[in-house]
N, C-alpha and C. Protein backbone atom coordinates (compact mmCIF):
# COMPACT_ATOMS: atom_id res chain seq x y z
N THR A 1 -110.71 20.07 -46.37
CA THR A 1 -112.16 20.50 -46.09
C THR A 1 -111.84 22.05 -45.50
N GLU A 2 -112.51 22.93 -45.83
CA GLU A 2 -112.21 24.55 -45.16
C GLU A 2 -113.18 24.46 -44.28
N ARG A 3 -112.92 24.80 -42.88
CA ARG A 3 -113.80 24.91 -41.89
C ARG A 3 -113.32 26.29 -40.86
N THR A 4 -114.39 26.74 -40.24
CA THR A 4 -114.15 27.74 -39.40
C THR A 4 -114.42 27.39 -38.10
N ILE A 5 -113.37 27.59 -37.18
CA ILE A 5 -113.60 27.08 -36.03
C ILE A 5 -113.23 28.17 -34.76
N ASP A 6 -113.41 27.70 -33.70
CA ASP A 6 -112.78 28.83 -32.50
C ASP A 6 -112.07 27.69 -31.97
N PRO A 7 -110.57 28.40 -32.01
CA PRO A 7 -109.69 27.56 -31.46
C PRO A 7 -109.14 27.79 -29.79
N TYR A 8 -109.52 26.68 -29.00
CA TYR A 8 -109.51 26.53 -27.60
C TYR A 8 -108.05 26.36 -27.15
N GLY A 9 -107.15 25.50 -27.69
CA GLY A 9 -105.99 25.05 -27.21
C GLY A 9 -105.06 24.37 -28.08
N LEU A 10 -103.83 23.95 -27.83
CA LEU A 10 -102.88 23.13 -28.40
C LEU A 10 -102.32 22.21 -27.22
N VAL A 11 -102.62 21.11 -27.87
CA VAL A 11 -101.56 19.94 -26.76
C VAL A 11 -100.86 19.14 -27.51
N SER A 12 -99.97 18.45 -26.90
CA SER A 12 -98.70 17.86 -27.32
C SER A 12 -98.83 16.53 -26.72
N LYS A 13 -98.87 15.36 -27.85
CA LYS A 13 -98.68 14.08 -27.08
C LYS A 13 -97.57 13.23 -27.79
N ALA A 14 -96.63 13.04 -27.31
CA ALA A 14 -95.25 12.00 -27.99
C ALA A 14 -94.87 12.87 -29.09
N GLY A 15 -95.07 14.18 -28.92
CA GLY A 15 -94.17 14.93 -30.26
C GLY A 15 -95.27 15.45 -31.29
N VAL A 16 -96.47 14.76 -31.00
CA VAL A 16 -97.32 15.09 -32.30
C VAL A 16 -98.33 16.29 -31.62
N TRP A 17 -98.43 17.40 -32.31
CA TRP A 17 -99.45 18.57 -31.60
C TRP A 17 -100.66 18.63 -32.25
N TYR A 18 -101.80 18.80 -31.36
CA TYR A 18 -103.08 18.80 -31.60
C TYR A 18 -103.67 20.03 -31.21
N LEU A 19 -104.63 20.35 -32.23
CA LEU A 19 -105.58 21.60 -31.83
C LEU A 19 -106.95 21.40 -31.34
N VAL A 20 -107.17 21.76 -30.43
CA VAL A 20 -108.46 21.74 -29.95
C VAL A 20 -109.65 22.69 -30.38
N ALA A 21 -110.41 22.45 -30.92
CA ALA A 21 -111.36 24.02 -31.49
C ALA A 21 -112.79 23.24 -31.32
N ARG A 22 -113.70 24.33 -31.14
CA ARG A 22 -115.17 24.43 -31.37
C ARG A 22 -115.56 24.42 -32.66
N GLN A 23 -116.42 23.75 -33.22
CA GLN A 23 -116.79 23.79 -34.57
C GLN A 23 -118.10 24.68 -34.54
N GLN A 24 -118.45 24.92 -35.78
CA GLN A 24 -119.50 25.88 -35.96
C GLN A 24 -120.96 25.33 -35.26
N ASP A 25 -120.94 24.14 -35.32
CA ASP A 25 -121.96 23.68 -34.91
C ASP A 25 -122.23 23.36 -33.10
N GLY A 26 -121.18 23.83 -32.63
CA GLY A 26 -121.12 23.76 -31.15
C GLY A 26 -120.18 22.80 -30.32
N ASP A 27 -119.88 21.54 -31.59
CA ASP A 27 -119.23 20.37 -31.01
C ASP A 27 -117.78 20.81 -30.94
N PHE A 28 -116.85 20.38 -29.80
CA PHE A 28 -115.57 20.38 -29.92
C PHE A 28 -114.83 19.34 -30.50
N ARG A 29 -113.77 19.51 -31.30
CA ARG A 29 -113.17 18.35 -32.31
C ARG A 29 -111.56 18.56 -31.66
N THR A 30 -111.04 17.80 -32.18
CA THR A 30 -109.52 17.80 -31.90
C THR A 30 -108.68 17.48 -33.31
N PHE A 31 -108.20 18.45 -33.96
CA PHE A 31 -107.30 18.21 -35.30
C PHE A 31 -105.82 17.81 -34.83
N ARG A 32 -105.25 17.33 -35.74
CA ARG A 32 -103.95 17.08 -35.88
C ARG A 32 -103.16 17.98 -36.38
N VAL A 33 -102.53 18.96 -35.92
CA VAL A 33 -101.82 20.20 -36.27
C VAL A 33 -101.15 19.88 -37.80
N GLU A 34 -100.46 18.88 -37.98
CA GLU A 34 -99.58 18.67 -39.22
C GLU A 34 -100.63 18.50 -40.51
N ARG A 35 -101.84 18.06 -40.21
CA ARG A 35 -102.99 18.03 -41.38
C ARG A 35 -103.36 19.43 -41.65
N VAL A 36 -103.27 20.52 -41.11
CA VAL A 36 -103.71 21.79 -41.30
C VAL A 36 -102.81 22.27 -42.19
N ALA A 37 -103.22 22.48 -43.71
CA ALA A 37 -102.81 22.96 -44.87
C ALA A 37 -103.03 24.74 -45.00
N HIS A 38 -103.76 25.49 -44.26
CA HIS A 38 -103.78 26.74 -44.25
C HIS A 38 -104.51 27.05 -43.10
N GLY A 39 -103.85 28.36 -42.20
CA GLY A 39 -104.73 28.91 -41.38
C GLY A 39 -104.85 30.38 -41.50
N GLU A 40 -105.91 30.73 -41.29
CA GLU A 40 -106.30 32.40 -41.28
C GLU A 40 -107.19 33.02 -40.23
N GLU A 41 -106.59 33.94 -39.61
CA GLU A 41 -107.18 34.93 -38.61
C GLU A 41 -108.36 35.61 -39.35
N LEU A 42 -109.57 35.43 -38.96
CA LEU A 42 -110.70 36.30 -39.24
C LEU A 42 -111.05 37.39 -38.09
N PRO A 43 -111.57 38.41 -38.83
CA PRO A 43 -111.72 39.81 -37.93
C PRO A 43 -112.71 39.44 -36.98
N SER A 44 -113.50 38.40 -36.88
CA SER A 44 -114.50 38.28 -35.96
C SER A 44 -113.94 37.73 -34.67
N ARG A 45 -114.37 37.79 -33.77
CA ARG A 45 -114.21 37.13 -32.45
C ARG A 45 -115.36 36.07 -31.85
N PHE A 46 -114.91 35.23 -30.94
CA PHE A 46 -115.87 34.42 -30.40
C PHE A 46 -115.96 34.34 -28.96
N ALA A 47 -117.01 34.01 -28.21
CA ALA A 47 -117.03 33.90 -26.71
C ALA A 47 -116.55 32.54 -26.41
N ARG A 48 -115.57 32.80 -25.33
CA ARG A 48 -114.93 31.27 -25.11
C ARG A 48 -116.02 30.88 -23.94
N ASP A 49 -116.31 29.23 -23.82
CA ASP A 49 -117.14 28.74 -23.41
C ASP A 49 -116.47 28.52 -21.86
N GLU A 50 -116.70 29.18 -20.90
CA GLU A 50 -115.96 29.32 -19.37
C GLU A 50 -116.12 27.93 -18.79
N LYS A 51 -116.90 27.15 -19.13
CA LYS A 51 -117.09 25.69 -18.74
C LYS A 51 -116.09 24.94 -19.21
N PHE A 52 -115.55 25.28 -20.18
CA PHE A 52 -114.39 24.12 -20.83
C PHE A 52 -113.19 24.08 -20.43
N ASP A 53 -112.92 22.80 -20.04
CA ASP A 53 -111.78 22.79 -19.26
C ASP A 53 -110.40 21.63 -20.52
N LEU A 54 -109.86 22.13 -20.81
CA LEU A 54 -108.75 21.84 -21.71
C LEU A 54 -107.99 20.52 -21.68
N GLU A 55 -107.93 20.32 -20.16
CA GLU A 55 -107.56 18.83 -19.98
C GLU A 55 -108.24 17.80 -19.92
N THR A 56 -109.58 18.36 -19.36
CA THR A 56 -110.91 17.14 -19.41
C THR A 56 -111.02 16.88 -20.68
N HIS A 57 -111.09 17.70 -21.44
CA HIS A 57 -111.46 17.50 -23.22
C HIS A 57 -110.20 16.44 -23.52
N TRP A 58 -109.17 17.03 -23.54
CA TRP A 58 -107.85 16.18 -23.87
C TRP A 58 -108.13 14.50 -23.55
N ARG A 59 -108.33 14.49 -21.97
CA ARG A 59 -108.30 13.14 -21.78
C ARG A 59 -109.52 12.33 -22.40
N SER A 60 -110.49 12.95 -22.57
CA SER A 60 -111.72 12.16 -23.42
C SER A 60 -111.56 11.91 -24.65
N ALA A 61 -110.71 13.22 -25.54
CA ALA A 61 -110.37 12.87 -26.81
C ALA A 61 -109.40 11.79 -26.78
N ASN A 62 -108.53 11.93 -26.09
CA ASN A 62 -107.22 10.79 -25.90
C ASN A 62 -107.54 9.43 -26.03
N ALA A 63 -108.62 9.27 -25.00
CA ALA A 63 -108.87 7.96 -24.50
C ALA A 63 -109.89 7.23 -25.93
N ALA A 64 -110.66 8.36 -26.49
CA ALA A 64 -111.26 7.68 -27.81
C ALA A 64 -110.18 7.34 -28.92
N MET A 65 -108.95 8.21 -29.03
CA MET A 65 -108.13 7.69 -30.16
C MET A 65 -107.42 6.60 -29.66
N GLN A 66 -107.44 6.38 -28.61
CA GLN A 66 -106.70 5.13 -27.92
C GLN A 66 -106.96 3.77 -28.24
N HIS A 67 -108.48 3.60 -28.73
CA HIS A 67 -109.22 2.36 -29.03
C HIS A 67 -109.62 2.35 -30.42
N PRO A 68 -108.75 2.55 -31.45
CA PRO A 68 -109.20 2.36 -32.77
C PRO A 68 -109.64 0.75 -33.10
N ALA A 69 -110.50 0.79 -33.89
CA ALA A 69 -111.30 -0.49 -34.44
C ALA A 69 -110.18 -1.45 -34.63
N GLU A 70 -109.07 -1.31 -35.29
CA GLU A 70 -107.99 -2.09 -35.26
C GLU A 70 -106.51 -1.65 -35.33
N TRP A 71 -105.91 -2.17 -34.50
CA TRP A 71 -104.35 -1.74 -33.98
C TRP A 71 -103.53 -2.05 -35.34
N TYR A 72 -102.53 -1.30 -35.51
CA TYR A 72 -101.31 -1.64 -36.33
C TYR A 72 -100.13 -2.12 -35.49
N GLU A 73 -99.78 -3.56 -35.46
CA GLU A 73 -98.89 -3.93 -34.29
C GLU A 73 -97.61 -4.12 -35.03
N VAL A 74 -96.55 -3.90 -34.12
CA VAL A 74 -94.97 -3.92 -34.80
C VAL A 74 -94.32 -4.34 -33.79
N THR A 75 -93.33 -5.07 -34.21
CA THR A 75 -92.01 -5.75 -33.45
C THR A 75 -90.73 -4.91 -33.69
N LEU A 76 -90.35 -4.33 -32.61
CA LEU A 76 -88.94 -3.60 -32.80
C LEU A 76 -87.88 -3.81 -31.64
N TYR A 77 -86.89 -3.72 -31.78
CA TYR A 77 -85.66 -3.86 -30.88
C TYR A 77 -85.18 -2.82 -30.84
N VAL A 78 -85.07 -2.14 -29.29
CA VAL A 78 -84.76 -0.84 -28.86
C VAL A 78 -83.27 -1.07 -27.89
N ALA A 79 -82.60 -0.15 -28.19
CA ALA A 79 -81.25 -0.61 -27.67
C ALA A 79 -81.25 0.24 -26.45
N GLY A 80 -80.63 -0.11 -25.11
CA GLY A 80 -80.10 0.32 -24.17
C GLY A 80 -81.10 1.16 -23.35
N GLU A 81 -80.52 2.42 -23.04
CA GLU A 81 -81.13 3.54 -22.09
C GLU A 81 -82.31 4.02 -22.96
N PHE A 82 -82.40 4.00 -24.32
CA PHE A 82 -83.36 4.57 -25.18
C PHE A 82 -84.80 3.82 -25.06
N ALA A 83 -84.99 2.62 -24.62
CA ALA A 83 -85.97 1.75 -24.44
C ALA A 83 -87.06 2.31 -23.60
N GLU A 84 -86.60 2.90 -22.29
CA GLU A 84 -87.61 3.61 -21.77
C GLU A 84 -88.15 5.00 -22.21
N TRP A 85 -87.60 5.40 -23.01
CA TRP A 85 -87.96 6.50 -23.82
C TRP A 85 -89.15 6.15 -24.76
N VAL A 86 -88.72 5.03 -25.91
CA VAL A 86 -89.76 4.73 -26.61
C VAL A 86 -90.88 4.18 -26.29
N MET A 87 -90.60 3.55 -24.93
CA MET A 87 -92.04 2.84 -24.34
C MET A 87 -93.05 3.64 -24.02
N SER A 88 -92.56 4.96 -23.74
CA SER A 88 -93.33 5.87 -22.98
C SER A 88 -94.34 6.42 -24.30
N TYR A 89 -93.83 6.24 -25.73
CA TYR A 89 -95.03 6.82 -26.91
C TYR A 89 -96.10 5.88 -27.15
N ASN A 90 -96.18 4.92 -27.06
CA ASN A 90 -97.53 3.92 -27.44
C ASN A 90 -97.48 2.80 -26.48
N GLU A 91 -98.79 2.21 -26.56
CA GLU A 91 -98.88 0.97 -25.76
C GLU A 91 -98.16 -0.15 -26.30
N ASN A 92 -97.43 -0.86 -25.54
CA ASN A 92 -96.28 -1.89 -25.83
C ASN A 92 -96.42 -2.73 -24.91
N THR A 93 -95.94 -3.82 -25.30
CA THR A 93 -95.52 -5.04 -24.43
C THR A 93 -94.27 -5.58 -24.62
N VAL A 94 -93.25 -5.75 -23.39
CA VAL A 94 -92.14 -6.08 -23.59
C VAL A 94 -92.07 -7.72 -23.89
N LEU A 95 -91.40 -8.24 -25.13
CA LEU A 95 -91.13 -9.65 -25.46
C LEU A 95 -89.69 -10.10 -25.02
N GLY A 96 -88.95 -9.32 -24.58
CA GLY A 96 -87.74 -9.84 -24.49
C GLY A 96 -86.61 -8.63 -24.14
N ASP A 97 -85.64 -9.29 -23.05
CA ASP A 97 -84.75 -8.12 -22.56
C ASP A 97 -83.46 -8.95 -22.45
N ASP A 98 -82.31 -8.36 -23.46
CA ASP A 98 -81.42 -9.51 -23.60
C ASP A 98 -79.95 -8.42 -22.84
N GLY A 99 -80.55 -7.53 -21.91
CA GLY A 99 -79.33 -6.76 -20.98
C GLY A 99 -78.67 -5.58 -21.76
N ARG A 100 -79.06 -5.67 -23.14
CA ARG A 100 -78.41 -4.55 -23.91
C ARG A 100 -79.63 -3.76 -24.52
N GLY A 101 -80.59 -4.40 -24.56
CA GLY A 101 -81.96 -3.47 -25.29
C GLY A 101 -83.05 -4.54 -25.06
N LYS A 102 -84.05 -3.98 -25.62
CA LYS A 102 -85.57 -4.72 -25.24
C LYS A 102 -86.02 -5.10 -26.75
N THR A 103 -86.78 -6.12 -26.82
CA THR A 103 -87.83 -6.29 -28.14
C THR A 103 -89.04 -6.26 -27.42
N LEU A 104 -90.00 -5.11 -28.35
CA LEU A 104 -91.24 -4.77 -27.83
C LEU A 104 -92.14 -5.25 -29.11
N ARG A 105 -93.48 -5.04 -28.81
CA ARG A 105 -94.67 -5.41 -29.43
C ARG A 105 -95.22 -4.01 -29.33
N MET A 106 -95.10 -3.18 -30.06
CA MET A 106 -95.78 -1.74 -30.05
C MET A 106 -97.14 -1.71 -30.71
N ARG A 107 -98.21 -0.81 -30.59
CA ARG A 107 -99.41 -0.59 -31.28
C ARG A 107 -99.13 1.06 -31.77
N PHE A 108 -99.67 0.98 -33.20
CA PHE A 108 -99.99 2.21 -33.73
C PHE A 108 -100.97 2.24 -34.46
N HIS A 109 -101.43 3.48 -34.73
CA HIS A 109 -103.00 3.57 -35.27
C HIS A 109 -103.09 3.31 -36.77
N SER A 110 -102.08 3.10 -37.36
CA SER A 110 -101.84 2.67 -38.88
C SER A 110 -100.18 2.50 -39.03
N LEU A 111 -100.22 2.12 -40.44
CA LEU A 111 -98.93 1.88 -41.09
C LEU A 111 -98.19 3.34 -41.31
N ARG A 112 -98.78 4.28 -41.78
CA ARG A 112 -98.34 5.50 -41.97
C ARG A 112 -97.83 6.20 -40.51
N GLU A 113 -98.34 6.11 -39.52
CA GLU A 113 -97.87 6.86 -38.21
C GLU A 113 -96.72 5.81 -37.85
N ALA A 114 -96.66 4.24 -38.00
CA ALA A 114 -95.62 3.46 -37.70
C ALA A 114 -94.44 4.03 -38.20
N VAL A 115 -94.29 4.35 -39.79
CA VAL A 115 -93.49 4.58 -40.68
C VAL A 115 -92.82 5.99 -40.29
N HIS A 116 -93.72 7.01 -39.82
CA HIS A 116 -93.18 8.13 -39.35
C HIS A 116 -92.83 8.07 -37.78
N GLN A 117 -92.84 7.36 -37.37
CA GLN A 117 -92.44 7.48 -35.88
C GLN A 117 -91.40 6.70 -35.73
N THR A 118 -91.26 5.44 -36.37
CA THR A 118 -89.76 4.21 -36.13
C THR A 118 -88.93 5.33 -36.91
N SER A 119 -89.19 5.82 -37.85
CA SER A 119 -88.07 6.50 -38.85
C SER A 119 -87.64 7.75 -38.10
N ALA A 120 -88.27 8.48 -37.41
CA ALA A 120 -87.85 9.55 -36.66
C ALA A 120 -86.95 8.95 -35.27
N TRP A 121 -86.95 7.75 -34.99
CA TRP A 121 -86.39 7.23 -33.95
C TRP A 121 -84.80 6.88 -34.43
N GLY A 122 -84.93 6.71 -35.88
CA GLY A 122 -83.54 6.41 -36.33
C GLY A 122 -83.04 5.20 -36.15
N SER A 123 -81.08 5.11 -35.86
CA SER A 123 -80.75 3.66 -35.76
C SER A 123 -80.92 3.33 -34.21
N ARG A 124 -81.45 4.12 -33.47
CA ARG A 124 -81.85 3.57 -32.02
C ARG A 124 -82.83 2.12 -31.66
N VAL A 125 -83.64 2.42 -32.98
CA VAL A 125 -84.56 1.44 -33.19
C VAL A 125 -84.51 0.62 -34.46
N ARG A 126 -84.63 -0.62 -34.23
CA ARG A 126 -84.46 -1.68 -35.46
C ARG A 126 -85.93 -2.42 -35.56
N VAL A 127 -86.59 -2.06 -36.41
CA VAL A 127 -88.17 -2.82 -36.83
C VAL A 127 -87.97 -4.53 -37.36
N LEU A 128 -88.36 -5.21 -36.61
CA LEU A 128 -88.45 -6.40 -36.83
C LEU A 128 -89.46 -7.15 -37.99
N ASP A 129 -90.44 -6.50 -37.22
CA ASP A 129 -91.93 -6.97 -38.10
C ASP A 129 -92.79 -5.88 -38.08
N PRO A 130 -93.62 -5.89 -38.91
CA PRO A 130 -94.11 -6.81 -40.31
C PRO A 130 -93.39 -6.29 -41.45
N PRO A 131 -93.12 -7.21 -42.11
CA PRO A 131 -92.45 -7.03 -43.55
C PRO A 131 -92.97 -5.69 -44.33
N GLU A 132 -94.01 -5.66 -44.41
CA GLU A 132 -94.50 -4.06 -45.03
C GLU A 132 -94.21 -3.14 -44.53
N LEU A 133 -94.11 -2.92 -43.17
CA LEU A 133 -93.24 -1.83 -42.41
C LEU A 133 -92.10 -1.75 -42.68
N LEU A 134 -90.88 -2.67 -42.71
CA LEU A 134 -89.82 -2.66 -43.39
C LEU A 134 -89.53 -2.39 -44.66
N GLN A 135 -90.44 -2.81 -45.77
CA GLN A 135 -90.61 -2.37 -47.09
C GLN A 135 -90.73 -0.71 -47.27
N ALA A 136 -91.62 0.07 -46.38
CA ALA A 136 -92.00 1.33 -46.65
C ALA A 136 -91.29 1.87 -45.66
N LEU A 137 -90.45 1.63 -44.59
CA LEU A 137 -89.29 2.32 -44.42
C LEU A 137 -88.20 2.55 -45.27
N ALA A 138 -87.94 1.14 -46.06
CA ALA A 138 -86.94 1.46 -47.19
C ALA A 138 -87.43 2.38 -47.98
N GLU A 139 -88.49 2.54 -48.72
CA GLU A 139 -89.01 3.24 -49.51
C GLU A 139 -88.53 4.68 -48.88
N HIS A 140 -89.04 5.21 -47.81
CA HIS A 140 -89.16 6.13 -47.13
C HIS A 140 -87.44 6.81 -47.19
N ALA A 141 -86.64 5.86 -46.93
CA ALA A 141 -85.13 6.24 -46.88
C ALA A 141 -84.61 6.47 -48.34
N ARG A 142 -85.12 5.82 -49.10
CA ARG A 142 -84.80 6.16 -50.59
C ARG A 142 -85.29 7.73 -50.90
N GLU A 143 -86.44 7.87 -50.55
CA GLU A 143 -86.94 8.99 -50.76
C GLU A 143 -86.39 10.32 -50.21
N MET A 144 -85.80 9.98 -48.93
CA MET A 144 -85.10 10.81 -48.16
C MET A 144 -83.74 11.25 -48.79
N LEU A 145 -82.98 9.80 -49.19
CA LEU A 145 -81.40 9.98 -49.62
C LEU A 145 -81.79 10.84 -51.06
N ALA A 146 -82.87 10.71 -51.86
CA ALA A 146 -83.20 11.30 -53.34
C ALA A 146 -83.09 12.74 -52.88
N LEU A 147 -83.68 13.19 -51.78
CA LEU A 147 -84.02 14.49 -51.59
C LEU A 147 -82.79 15.12 -50.92
N TYR A 148 -82.11 14.59 -49.85
CA TYR A 148 -80.72 15.40 -49.48
C TYR A 148 -79.57 14.82 -49.77
N ALA A 149 -79.51 13.62 -50.47
CA ALA A 149 -78.08 13.40 -51.09
C ALA A 149 -78.38 12.82 -52.36
N PRO A 150 -78.80 13.66 -53.55
CA PRO A 150 -79.16 13.16 -54.81
C PRO A 150 -77.85 12.23 -55.51
N SER A 151 -76.83 12.64 -55.14
CA SER A 151 -75.56 12.03 -55.81
C SER A 151 -75.29 10.70 -55.14
N VAL A 152 -75.78 10.39 -54.07
CA VAL A 152 -75.34 8.81 -53.43
C VAL A 152 -76.29 7.66 -54.28
């Protein structure tokens, strides 16, 4: 969709960037930056709402994003000192700790988000469940190999 917006600020959460902007109807909306296909500066300017507080808006928008109708839950094993860092990304429950790493049950908004995030963590994280995520990660790995190592 094409939109004309008044940009108010950028916010990062767990390495994902969001643009907070006022829409033409006056409502504020939070856009995930990676989903913006094209941006263009217009010659017109807007008057910034002096009462708007980016931090307050972000807390409210973030709270709304944290309560989807249905979570996509994943079980994973995280080795060593990397566990605390991974645990800071999303809501999770520690299912076990063997002294070398932790088994976690972590919530994501979708399968797509789980593929994106768990593949970014690389070999430091091993996904245990669900099977459809394992299949999606394998397909993602095949696509990356085909792109970057076509002779392998």
